[in-house]
Amino acid sequence: MAVQPDKAMMILANAVSEVVGANSRAYQQIVVAAGSADRRDYIQARATFDGLPGTQRRAVKGKAETTATALRQQAVLRRVLRNLPSWRPDNVEWVWPRPTPDGTAANRK
């Protein structure tokens, strides 16, 4: 049975391919580890990644963090948009509550 690739490992693999190259051993090992349930693959990928020069590791870290943050923000935005009340042509103003003098919000009439 195939294992679903680990999303965090795939973000790391994409960052490694951008910085180091898709033909690098580090990239290939991380892709294998992302799709494997075997801990040995993960340990081997970590050792290969740790063998990269510090400047490349820092560059990969920056790219991976930027990508992860963007994906997280997209997920939050999708969740917020999904939870917005639906637009109803017969009662459009229901979506925007009106503040009352006591600080609570009430639906417009």
N, C-alpha and C. Protein backbone atom coordinates (compact mmCIF):
# COMPACT_ATOMS: atom_id res chain seq x y z
N MET A 1 0.84 -1.18 0.00
CA MET A 1 0.00 0.00 0.00
C MET A 1 0.89 1.24 0.00
N ALA A 2 0.60 2.19 -0.87
CA ALA A 2 1.40 3.41 -0.99
C ALA A 2 1.12 4.35 0.18
N VAL A 3 2.17 5.04 0.60
CA VAL A 3 2.06 5.98 1.70
C VAL A 3 1.88 7.37 1.13
N GLN A 4 0.97 8.14 1.73
CA GLN A 4 0.77 9.54 1.33
C GLN A 4 2.03 10.33 1.65
N PRO A 5 2.59 11.10 0.71
CA PRO A 5 3.81 11.87 1.00
C PRO A 5 3.57 12.88 2.12
N ASP A 6 4.55 13.02 2.97
CA ASP A 6 4.49 13.96 4.08
C ASP A 6 4.60 15.38 3.51
N LYS A 7 3.62 16.24 3.84
CA LYS A 7 3.58 17.58 3.27
C LYS A 7 4.80 18.41 3.67
N ALA A 8 5.21 18.33 4.93
CA ALA A 8 6.37 19.10 5.39
C ALA A 8 7.65 18.65 4.68
N MET A 9 7.79 17.34 4.51
CA MET A 9 8.98 16.83 3.82
C MET A 9 8.98 17.24 2.35
N MET A 10 7.81 17.32 1.73
CA MET A 10 7.75 17.75 0.34
C MET A 10 8.07 19.25 0.20
N ILE A 11 7.66 20.04 1.18
CA ILE A 11 8.05 21.46 1.18
C ILE A 11 9.57 21.56 1.26
N LEU A 12 10.16 20.77 2.15
CA LEU A 12 11.61 20.76 2.28
C LEU A 12 12.28 20.28 0.99
N ALA A 13 11.73 19.24 0.38
CA ALA A 13 12.31 18.71 -0.86
C ALA A 13 12.25 19.76 -1.97
N ASN A 14 11.15 20.48 -2.07
CA ASN A 14 11.04 21.52 -3.10
C ASN A 14 12.05 22.64 -2.85
N ALA A 15 12.24 23.00 -1.59
CA ALA A 15 13.23 24.04 -1.27
C ALA A 15 14.64 23.56 -1.60
N VAL A 16 14.92 22.30 -1.30
CA VAL A 16 16.25 21.74 -1.62
C VAL A 16 16.46 21.73 -3.13
N SER A 17 15.42 21.37 -3.89
CA SER A 17 15.59 21.33 -5.35
C SER A 17 15.83 22.73 -5.92
N GLU A 18 15.23 23.76 -5.31
CA GLU A 18 15.45 25.13 -5.77
C GLU A 18 16.85 25.63 -5.44
N VAL A 19 17.34 25.28 -4.25
CA VAL A 19 18.63 25.80 -3.80
C VAL A 19 19.78 24.94 -4.31
N VAL A 20 19.69 23.64 -4.10
CA VAL A 20 20.80 22.74 -4.40
C VAL A 20 20.66 22.13 -5.79
N GLY A 21 19.45 21.82 -6.18
CA GLY A 21 19.21 21.22 -7.49
C GLY A 21 18.46 19.90 -7.35
N ALA A 22 17.65 19.60 -8.35
CA ALA A 22 16.83 18.40 -8.33
C ALA A 22 17.66 17.13 -8.54
N ASN A 23 18.89 17.27 -9.02
CA ASN A 23 19.74 16.10 -9.23
C ASN A 23 20.60 15.78 -8.02
N SER A 24 20.47 16.57 -6.96
CA SER A 24 21.32 16.36 -5.79
C SER A 24 20.86 15.13 -5.00
N ARG A 25 21.80 14.55 -4.32
CA ARG A 25 21.51 13.38 -3.48
C ARG A 25 20.57 13.75 -2.34
N ALA A 26 20.74 14.95 -1.78
CA ALA A 26 19.88 15.40 -0.68
C ALA A 26 18.42 15.44 -1.12
N TYR A 27 18.16 16.01 -2.28
CA TYR A 27 16.79 16.09 -2.79
C TYR A 27 16.21 14.69 -2.98
N GLN A 28 16.97 13.82 -3.62
CA GLN A 28 16.48 12.47 -3.89
C GLN A 28 16.17 11.71 -2.60
N GLN A 29 17.04 11.85 -1.60
CA GLN A 29 16.82 11.15 -0.32
C GLN A 29 15.59 11.71 0.41
N ILE A 30 15.39 13.03 0.35
CA ILE A 30 14.24 13.63 1.03
C ILE A 30 12.94 13.20 0.36
N VAL A 31 12.93 13.11 -0.97
CA VAL A 31 11.72 12.66 -1.67
C VAL A 31 11.40 11.21 -1.29
N VAL A 32 12.44 10.38 -1.22
CA VAL A 32 12.22 8.99 -0.82
C VAL A 32 11.65 8.93 0.60
N ALA A 33 12.23 9.72 1.51
CA ALA A 33 11.77 9.72 2.90
C ALA A 33 10.35 10.26 3.03
N ALA A 34 9.99 11.24 2.18
CA ALA A 34 8.65 11.82 2.25
C ALA A 34 7.57 10.80 1.90
N GLY A 35 7.88 9.89 1.00
CA GLY A 35 6.89 8.90 0.58
C GLY A 35 7.04 7.55 1.25
N SER A 36 7.88 7.46 2.26
CA SER A 36 8.16 6.18 2.90
C SER A 36 7.72 6.21 4.37
N ALA A 37 7.33 5.07 4.85
CA ALA A 37 7.00 4.95 6.27
C ALA A 37 8.18 4.39 7.07
N ASP A 38 9.28 4.11 6.37
CA ASP A 38 10.46 3.52 7.01
C ASP A 38 11.32 4.61 7.65
N ARG A 39 11.59 4.46 8.92
CA ARG A 39 12.38 5.45 9.66
C ARG A 39 13.82 5.52 9.14
N ARG A 40 14.33 4.43 8.61
CA ARG A 40 15.69 4.44 8.08
C ARG A 40 15.84 5.42 6.91
N ASP A 41 14.78 5.53 6.09
CA ASP A 41 14.82 6.49 4.98
C ASP A 41 14.90 7.92 5.52
N TYR A 42 14.14 8.18 6.57
CA TYR A 42 14.17 9.51 7.18
C TYR A 42 15.55 9.81 7.76
N ILE A 43 16.14 8.86 8.45
CA ILE A 43 17.46 9.06 9.05
C ILE A 43 18.51 9.30 7.97
N GLN A 44 18.43 8.56 6.89
CA GLN A 44 19.38 8.72 5.79
C GLN A 44 19.22 10.09 5.12
N ALA A 45 17.96 10.52 4.93
CA ALA A 45 17.71 11.83 4.33
C ALA A 45 18.22 12.94 5.24
N ARG A 46 18.03 12.79 6.54
CA ARG A 46 18.51 13.80 7.48
C ARG A 46 20.04 13.89 7.46
N ALA A 47 20.69 12.76 7.43
CA ALA A 47 22.15 12.75 7.40
C ALA A 47 22.67 13.40 6.11
N THR A 48 22.01 13.11 5.00
CA THR A 48 22.42 13.71 3.72
C THR A 48 22.20 15.21 3.74
N PHE A 49 21.05 15.65 4.28
CA PHE A 49 20.77 17.09 4.36
C PHE A 49 21.76 17.78 5.31
N ASP A 50 22.05 17.15 6.43
CA ASP A 50 23.00 17.74 7.38
C ASP A 50 24.40 17.86 6.79
N GLY A 51 24.69 17.08 5.77
CA GLY A 51 25.99 17.15 5.11
C GLY A 51 26.13 18.32 4.16
N LEU A 52 25.05 19.03 3.88
CA LEU A 52 25.12 20.20 3.01
C LEU A 52 25.88 21.32 3.71
N PRO A 53 26.53 22.20 2.94
CA PRO A 53 27.18 23.36 3.56
C PRO A 53 26.17 24.25 4.28
N GLY A 54 26.63 24.94 5.29
CA GLY A 54 25.74 25.77 6.11
C GLY A 54 25.00 26.83 5.32
N THR A 55 25.65 27.43 4.35
CA THR A 55 24.97 28.47 3.56
C THR A 55 23.79 27.89 2.78
N GLN A 56 23.97 26.69 2.24
CA GLN A 56 22.87 26.06 1.51
C GLN A 56 21.74 25.65 2.46
N ARG A 57 22.10 25.14 3.64
CA ARG A 57 21.06 24.76 4.61
C ARG A 57 20.25 25.98 5.03
N ARG A 58 20.92 27.11 5.26
CA ARG A 58 20.20 28.33 5.65
C ARG A 58 19.30 28.83 4.52
N ALA A 59 19.78 28.74 3.28
CA ALA A 59 18.96 29.15 2.14
C ALA A 59 17.74 28.25 2.00
N VAL A 60 17.93 26.95 2.20
CA VAL A 60 16.81 26.00 2.14
C VAL A 60 15.82 26.32 3.25
N LYS A 61 16.33 26.61 4.44
CA LYS A 61 15.46 26.93 5.57
C LYS A 61 14.59 28.14 5.25
N GLY A 62 15.18 29.18 4.69
CA GLY A 62 14.42 30.38 4.34
C GLY A 62 13.33 30.10 3.32
N LYS A 63 13.67 29.36 2.27
CA LYS A 63 12.68 29.04 1.23
C LYS A 63 11.57 28.15 1.78
N ALA A 64 11.95 27.15 2.59
CA ALA A 64 10.94 26.24 3.15
C ALA A 64 10.01 26.97 4.11
N GLU A 65 10.55 27.85 4.94
CA GLU A 65 9.71 28.61 5.88
C GLU A 65 8.76 29.54 5.13
N THR A 66 9.25 30.18 4.08
CA THR A 66 8.39 31.07 3.28
C THR A 66 7.26 30.29 2.64
N THR A 67 7.57 29.14 2.09
CA THR A 67 6.54 28.30 1.45
C THR A 67 5.53 27.80 2.48
N ALA A 68 6.02 27.33 3.62
CA ALA A 68 5.11 26.82 4.66
C ALA A 68 4.19 27.91 5.18
N THR A 69 4.72 29.11 5.37
CA THR A 69 3.90 30.22 5.85
C THR A 69 2.82 30.57 4.82
N ALA A 70 3.19 30.61 3.56
CA ALA A 70 2.21 30.91 2.51
C ALA A 70 1.12 29.85 2.45
N LEU A 71 1.50 28.59 2.55
CA LEU A 71 0.49 27.51 2.53
C LEU A 71 -0.44 27.58 3.75
N ARG A 72 0.14 27.90 4.90
CA ARG A 72 -0.66 28.04 6.12
C ARG A 72 -1.65 29.19 5.97
N GLN A 73 -1.21 30.32 5.43
CA GLN A 73 -2.10 31.46 5.24
C GLN A 73 -3.21 31.14 4.24
N GLN A 74 -2.89 30.40 3.19
CA GLN A 74 -3.91 30.00 2.23
C GLN A 74 -4.95 29.11 2.89
N ALA A 75 -4.51 28.19 3.74
CA ALA A 75 -5.44 27.29 4.43
C ALA A 75 -6.36 28.08 5.36
N VAL A 76 -5.80 29.05 6.07
CA VAL A 76 -6.62 29.87 6.97
C VAL A 76 -7.63 30.67 6.17
N LEU A 77 -7.19 31.26 5.07
CA LEU A 77 -8.09 32.05 4.24
C LEU A 77 -9.22 31.18 3.68
N ARG A 78 -8.88 29.97 3.22
CA ARG A 78 -9.93 29.07 2.72
C ARG A 78 -10.94 28.73 3.82
N ARG A 79 -10.44 28.51 5.04
CA ARG A 79 -11.33 28.18 6.16
C ARG A 79 -12.24 29.36 6.50
N VAL A 80 -11.68 30.57 6.50
CA VAL A 80 -12.48 31.76 6.80
C VAL A 80 -13.54 31.97 5.73
N LEU A 81 -13.15 31.86 4.47
CA LEU A 81 -14.11 32.05 3.38
C LEU A 81 -15.20 30.99 3.39
N ARG A 82 -14.84 29.78 3.75
CA ARG A 82 -15.82 28.69 3.81
C ARG A 82 -16.84 28.94 4.91
N ASN A 83 -16.43 29.61 6.00
CA ASN A 83 -17.32 29.82 7.14
C ASN A 83 -18.11 31.12 7.07
N LEU A 84 -17.91 31.93 6.03
CA LEU A 84 -18.70 33.15 5.90
C LEU A 84 -20.15 32.79 5.61
N PRO A 85 -21.07 33.61 6.10
CA PRO A 85 -22.48 33.35 5.77
C PRO A 85 -22.71 33.49 4.27
N SER A 86 -23.63 32.73 3.77
CA SER A 86 -23.90 32.77 2.33
C SER A 86 -24.63 34.06 1.97
N TRP A 87 -24.42 34.48 0.74
CA TRP A 87 -25.10 35.66 0.24
C TRP A 87 -26.49 35.28 -0.18
N ARG A 88 -27.46 35.99 0.37
CA ARG A 88 -28.86 35.72 0.01
C ARG A 88 -29.45 36.96 -0.65
N PRO A 89 -29.91 36.86 -1.88
CA PRO A 89 -30.42 38.05 -2.57
C PRO A 89 -31.62 38.68 -1.88
N ASP A 90 -32.41 37.89 -1.15
CA ASP A 90 -33.59 38.44 -0.49
C ASP A 90 -33.25 39.16 0.82
N ASN A 91 -32.06 38.90 1.37
CA ASN A 91 -31.70 39.49 2.66
C ASN A 91 -30.21 39.80 2.68
N VAL A 92 -29.77 40.69 1.82
CA VAL A 92 -28.36 40.97 1.67
C VAL A 92 -27.77 41.57 2.94
N GLU A 93 -28.49 42.41 3.61
CA GLU A 93 -27.95 43.12 4.77
C GLU A 93 -27.74 42.22 5.98
N TRP A 94 -28.25 41.02 5.95
CA TRP A 94 -28.07 40.11 7.09
C TRP A 94 -26.59 39.81 7.32
N VAL A 95 -25.78 39.86 6.27
CA VAL A 95 -24.37 39.52 6.36
C VAL A 95 -23.62 40.51 7.23
N TRP A 96 -24.00 41.79 7.21
CA TRP A 96 -23.25 42.83 7.93
C TRP A 96 -24.02 43.27 9.17
N PRO A 97 -23.63 42.79 10.36
CA PRO A 97 -24.34 43.19 11.57
C PRO A 97 -24.10 44.67 11.90
N ARG A 98 -25.07 45.26 12.52
CA ARG A 98 -25.02 46.67 12.90
C ARG A 98 -24.74 46.75 14.40
N PRO A 99 -23.73 47.54 14.81
CA PRO A 99 -23.47 47.66 16.24
C PRO A 99 -24.59 48.43 16.94
N THR A 100 -24.93 48.02 18.14
CA THR A 100 -25.97 48.70 18.93
C THR A 100 -25.28 49.53 20.02
N PRO A 101 -26.00 50.43 20.65
CA PRO A 101 -25.40 51.29 21.67
C PRO A 101 -24.75 50.53 22.83
N ASP A 102 -25.25 49.35 23.16
CA ASP A 102 -24.68 48.60 24.29
C ASP A 102 -23.45 47.77 23.88
N GLY A 103 -22.99 47.89 22.63
CA GLY A 103 -21.76 47.23 22.19
C GLY A 103 -21.98 45.89 21.51
N THR A 104 -23.19 45.39 21.51
CA THR A 104 -23.45 44.12 20.83
C THR A 104 -23.81 44.39 19.37
N ALA A 105 -23.86 43.36 18.59
CA ALA A 105 -24.22 43.51 17.18
C ALA A 105 -25.60 42.94 16.95
N ALA A 106 -26.36 43.64 16.14
CA ALA A 106 -27.69 43.17 15.80
C ALA A 106 -27.84 43.15 14.29
N ASN A 107 -28.69 42.27 13.82
CA ASN A 107 -28.93 42.21 12.38
C ASN A 107 -29.70 43.44 11.94
N ARG A 108 -29.38 43.93 10.75
CA ARG A 108 -30.13 45.05 10.20
C ARG A 108 -31.50 44.60 9.77
N LYS A 109 -32.45 45.51 9.87
CA LYS A 109 -33.81 45.16 9.48
C LYS A 109 -34.15 45.71 8.14
